[in-house]
Amino acid sequence: MFKKILIPIDLNHAEKLEKAVSAGAHLAKSGDVSVVFAAVTSKAPGSLAHTPEEFRDKLASYAAEEGGKHGITATGHAVFVHDPAVDLEDGILKAVHETGADLVVMATHIPHLPDHIWPSNGGRVASHADVSVFLVR
């Protein structure tokens, strides 16, 4: 059904994304599909990594760990943007095209009043993606 599943991940908050990761991994395993964990960040040094290479290494380690944990083939894909808070959705959409993913499985939150005016990250990705998007609450 699908060829590649992209799961956006924030390595600083990976534990909060476990439900979406598990859902994506389950879909991947049931369809014998590979997963790519995509992370959108800046090239500026941060608490997680000091260089883009160090960030890529940490993302690759995370992907390998999750792949082994769930019994799936998984890789990491980093997208570097100027400001991740502003460019997150564009970064995720860029990752979709760069990786050839045809399904995005991503975490979202229960909508609140402001979300009816300003859509959530997941809502914006779903609205602008040319592939299927599965939002996990």
C-alpha atoms as a PDB file:
ATOM      1  CA  MET A   1       0.000   0.000   0.000  1.00  0.00           C
ATOM      2  CA  PHE A   2       2.711   2.515   1.011  1.00  0.00           C
ATOM      3  CA  LYS A   3       6.387   2.475   0.068  1.00  0.00           C
ATOM      4  CA  LYS A   4       7.960   4.678   2.748  1.00  0.00           C
ATOM      5  CA  ILE A   5       6.638   6.186   5.956  1.00  0.00           C
ATOM      6  CA  LEU A   6       8.013   9.468   7.263  1.00  0.00           C
ATOM      7  CA  ILE A   7       7.710  10.093  10.996  1.00  0.00           C
ATOM      8  CA  PRO A   8       8.663  13.620  12.087  1.00  0.00           C
ATOM      9  CA  ILE A   9      10.623  13.505  15.321  1.00  0.00           C
ATOM     10  CA  ASP A  10      11.897  16.046  17.817  1.00  0.00           C
ATOM     11  CA  LEU A  11      14.863  14.412  19.507  1.00  0.00           C
ATOM     12  CA  ASN A  12      14.481  16.765  22.472  1.00  0.00           C
ATOM     13  CA  HIS A  13      10.975  15.409  23.125  1.00  0.00           C
ATOM     14  CA  ALA A  14      11.078  11.908  21.605  1.00  0.00           C
ATOM     15  CA  GLU A  15       9.423  10.334  24.656  1.00  0.00           C
ATOM     16  CA  LYS A  16       6.309  12.455  24.068  1.00  0.00           C
ATOM     17  CA  LEU A  17       6.029  11.179  20.493  1.00  0.00           C
ATOM     18  CA  GLU A  18       5.997   7.471  21.333  1.00  0.00           C
ATOM     19  CA  LYS A  19       2.347   6.970  20.367  1.00  0.00           C
ATOM     20  CA  ALA A  20       2.925   8.321  16.857  1.00  0.00           C
ATOM     21  CA  VAL A  21       6.192   6.375  16.530  1.00  0.00           C
ATOM     22  CA  SER A  22       4.438   3.163  17.596  1.00  0.00           C
ATOM     23  CA  ALA A  23       1.575   3.760  15.148  1.00  0.00           C
ATOM     24  CA  GLY A  24       3.993   4.423  12.287  1.00  0.00           C
ATOM     25  CA  ALA A  25       6.112   1.410  13.212  1.00  0.00           C
ATOM     26  CA  HIS A  26       3.018  -0.815  13.333  1.00  0.00           C
ATOM     27  CA  LEU A  27       1.964   0.336   9.856  1.00  0.00           C
ATOM     28  CA  ALA A  28       5.499  -0.199   8.577  1.00  0.00           C
ATOM     29  CA  LYS A  29       5.777  -3.670  10.038  1.00  0.00           C
ATOM     30  CA  SER A  30       2.374  -4.792   8.786  1.00  0.00           C
ATOM     31  CA  GLY A  31       3.149  -3.589   5.250  1.00  0.00           C
ATOM     32  CA  ASP A  32       6.877  -4.414   5.216  1.00  0.00           C
ATOM     33  CA  VAL A  33       7.600  -0.731   4.589  1.00  0.00           C
ATOM     34  CA  SER A  34      10.668   1.275   5.594  1.00  0.00           C
ATOM     35  CA  VAL A  35      10.480   4.246   7.950  1.00  0.00           C
ATOM     36  CA  VAL A  36      12.427   7.464   7.866  1.00  0.00           C
ATOM     37  CA  PHE A  37      12.539   9.579  11.017  1.00  0.00           C
ATOM     38  CA  ALA A  38      12.762  13.208   9.915  1.00  0.00           C
ATOM     39  CA  ALA A  39      13.970  15.956  12.204  1.00  0.00           C
ATOM     40  CA  VAL A  40      13.821  19.660  11.405  1.00  0.00           C
ATOM     41  CA  THR A  41      16.427  21.776  13.166  1.00  0.00           C
ATOM     42  CA  SER A  42      18.850  24.637  12.619  1.00  0.00           C
ATOM     43  CA  LYS A  43      22.580  24.396  11.968  1.00  0.00           C
ATOM     44  CA  ALA A  44      23.265  26.489  15.062  1.00  0.00           C
ATOM     45  CA  PRO A  45      24.856  24.680  18.015  1.00  0.00           C
ATOM     46  CA  GLY A  46      22.321  23.579  20.611  1.00  0.00           C
ATOM     47  CA  SER A  47      21.971  21.464  23.714  1.00  0.00           C
ATOM     48  CA  LEU A  48      21.419  18.324  21.630  1.00  0.00           C
ATOM     49  CA  ALA A  49      24.247  18.754  19.115  1.00  0.00           C
ATOM     50  CA  HIS A  50      26.996  21.233  18.355  1.00  0.00           C
ATOM     51  CA  THR A  51      27.280  20.564  14.616  1.00  0.00           C
ATOM     52  CA  PRO A  52      24.999  19.315  11.841  1.00  0.00           C
ATOM     53  CA  GLU A  53      27.125  16.148  11.605  1.00  0.00           C
ATOM     54  CA  GLU A  54      26.684  15.453  15.319  1.00  0.00           C
ATOM     55  CA  PHE A  55      22.924  15.977  14.933  1.00  0.00           C
ATOM     56  CA  ARG A  56      22.780  13.586  11.967  1.00  0.00           C
ATOM     57  CA  ASP A  57      24.691  10.981  14.010  1.00  0.00           C
ATOM     58  CA  LYS A  58      22.251  11.279  16.929  1.00  0.00           C
ATOM     59  CA  LEU A  59      19.285  11.033  14.576  1.00  0.00           C
ATOM     60  CA  ALA A  60      20.792   7.947  12.896  1.00  0.00           C
ATOM     61  CA  SER A  61      21.331   6.357  16.315  1.00  0.00           C
ATOM     62  CA  TYR A  62      17.737   7.101  17.291  1.00  0.00           C
ATOM     63  CA  ALA A  63      16.460   5.586  14.030  1.00  0.00           C
ATOM     64  CA  ALA A  64      18.571   2.453  14.493  1.00  0.00           C
ATOM     65  CA  GLU A  65      17.389   2.061  18.087  1.00  0.00           C
ATOM     66  CA  GLU A  66      13.708   2.486  17.157  1.00  0.00           C
ATOM     67  CA  GLY A  67      14.115   0.196  14.154  1.00  0.00           C
ATOM     68  CA  GLY A  68      15.525  -2.539  16.367  1.00  0.00           C
ATOM     69  CA  LYS A  69      12.923  -1.959  19.066  1.00  0.00           C
ATOM     70  CA  HIS A  70      10.016  -2.256  16.613  1.00  0.00           C
ATOM     71  CA  GLY A  71      11.540  -4.740  14.164  1.00  0.00           C
ATOM     72  CA  ILE A  72      11.466  -2.370  11.185  1.00  0.00           C
ATOM     73  CA  THR A  73      13.928  -0.859   8.735  1.00  0.00           C
ATOM     74  CA  ALA A  74      14.487   2.748   9.805  1.00  0.00           C
ATOM     75  CA  THR A  75      16.776   5.609   8.847  1.00  0.00           C
ATOM     76  CA  GLY A  76      17.123   9.235   9.848  1.00  0.00           C
ATOM     77  CA  HIS A  77      16.839  12.337   7.690  1.00  0.00           C
ATOM     78  CA  ALA A  78      17.768  15.791   8.968  1.00  0.00           C
ATOM     79  CA  VAL A  79      16.447  19.001   7.430  1.00  0.00           C
ATOM     80  CA  PHE A  80      18.233  22.202   8.410  1.00  0.00           C
ATOM     81  CA  VAL A  81      16.260  25.443   8.381  1.00  0.00           C
ATOM     82  CA  HIS A  82      16.864  28.983   9.617  1.00  0.00           C
ATOM     83  CA  ASP A  83      14.229  28.906  12.379  1.00  0.00           C
ATOM     84  CA  PRO A  84      12.631  25.520  13.195  1.00  0.00           C
ATOM     85  CA  ALA A  85       9.763  27.157  15.107  1.00  0.00           C
ATOM     86  CA  VAL A  86       8.730  29.079  11.993  1.00  0.00           C
ATOM     87  CA  ASP A  87       9.833  26.669   9.265  1.00  0.00           C
ATOM     88  CA  LEU A  88       8.773  23.339  10.800  1.00  0.00           C
ATOM     89  CA  GLU A  89       5.992  22.493   8.360  1.00  0.00           C
ATOM     90  CA  ASP A  90       8.048  23.518   5.326  1.00  0.00           C
ATOM     91  CA  GLY A  91      10.910  21.396   6.659  1.00  0.00           C
ATOM     92  CA  ILE A  92       8.658  18.359   7.051  1.00  0.00           C
ATOM     93  CA  LEU A  93       7.260  18.816   3.542  1.00  0.00           C
ATOM     94  CA  LYS A  94      10.801  19.151   2.209  1.00  0.00           C
ATOM     95  CA  ALA A  95      11.723  15.886   3.966  1.00  0.00           C
ATOM     96  CA  VAL A  96       8.735  14.159   2.349  1.00  0.00           C
ATOM     97  CA  HIS A  97      10.003  15.086  -1.108  1.00  0.00           C
ATOM     98  CA  GLU A  98      13.683  14.429  -0.379  1.00  0.00           C
ATOM     99  CA  THR A  99      12.998  10.941   0.985  1.00  0.00           C
ATOM    100  CA  GLY A 100      10.232   9.874  -1.393  1.00  0.00           C
ATOM    101  CA  ALA A 101       7.873   9.132   1.494  1.00  0.00           C
ATOM    102  CA  ASP A 102       4.253   8.551   0.573  1.00  0.00           C
ATOM    103  CA  LEU A 103       2.800   8.568   4.101  1.00  0.00           C
ATOM    104  CA  VAL A 104       3.467  10.904   7.023  1.00  0.00           C
ATOM    105  CA  VAL A 105       2.602   9.663  10.517  1.00  0.00           C
ATOM    106  CA  MET A 106       2.918  12.478  13.008  1.00  0.00           C
ATOM    107  CA  ALA A 107       1.856  13.441  16.486  1.00  0.00           C
ATOM    108  CA  THR A 108      -0.643  16.203  17.068  1.00  0.00           C
ATOM    109  CA  HIS A 109      -2.543  17.563  20.022  1.00  0.00           C
ATOM    110  CA  ILE A 110      -6.196  17.943  20.902  1.00  0.00           C
ATOM    111  CA  PRO A 111      -7.372  21.167  19.246  1.00  0.00           C
ATOM    112  CA  HIS A 112      -7.970  24.185  21.444  1.00  0.00           C
ATOM    113  CA  LEU A 113      -9.690  27.465  20.596  1.00  0.00           C
ATOM    114  CA  PRO A 114      -6.598  29.117  19.007  1.00  0.00           C
ATOM    115  CA  ASP A 115      -6.228  26.091  16.687  1.00  0.00           C
ATOM    116  CA  HIS A 116      -9.458  27.100  14.960  1.00  0.00           C
ATOM    117  CA  ILE A 117      -7.729  30.338  13.960  1.00  0.00           C
ATOM    118  CA  TRP A 118      -4.117  29.101  13.624  1.00  0.00           C
ATOM    119  CA  PRO A 119      -3.871  25.457  12.637  1.00  0.00           C
ATOM    120  CA  SER A 120      -1.530  23.055  14.400  1.00  0.00           C
ATOM    121  CA  ASN A 121       1.713  21.847  12.825  1.00  0.00           C
ATOM    122  CA  GLY A 122       0.019  18.580  11.891  1.00  0.00           C
ATOM    123  CA  GLY A 123      -2.953  20.421  10.437  1.00  0.00           C
ATOM    124  CA  ARG A 124      -0.710  22.566   8.273  1.00  0.00           C
ATOM    125  CA  VAL A 125       1.265  19.559   7.052  1.00  0.00           C
ATOM    126  CA  ALA A 126      -1.961  17.685   6.245  1.00  0.00           C
ATOM    127  CA  SER A 127      -3.344  20.724   4.419  1.00  0.00           C
ATOM    128  CA  HIS A 128      -0.280  21.200   2.238  1.00  0.00           C
ATOM    129  CA  ALA A 129       1.135  17.704   1.709  1.00  0.00           C
ATOM    130  CA  ASP A 130       0.623  15.896  -1.563  1.00  0.00           C
ATOM    131  CA  VAL A 131       0.857  12.549   0.265  1.00  0.00           C
ATOM    132  CA  SER A 132      -1.327  10.913   2.900  1.00  0.00           C
ATOM    133  CA  VAL A 133      -0.953  12.225   6.449  1.00  0.00           C
ATOM    134  CA  PHE A 134      -1.984  10.270   9.532  1.00  0.00           C
ATOM    135  CA  LEU A 135      -2.239  12.487  12.627  1.00  0.00           C
ATOM    136  CA  VAL A 136      -1.957  10.688  15.960  1.00  0.00           C
ATOM    137  CA  ARG A 137      -3.377  12.248  19.139  1.00  0.00           C
END
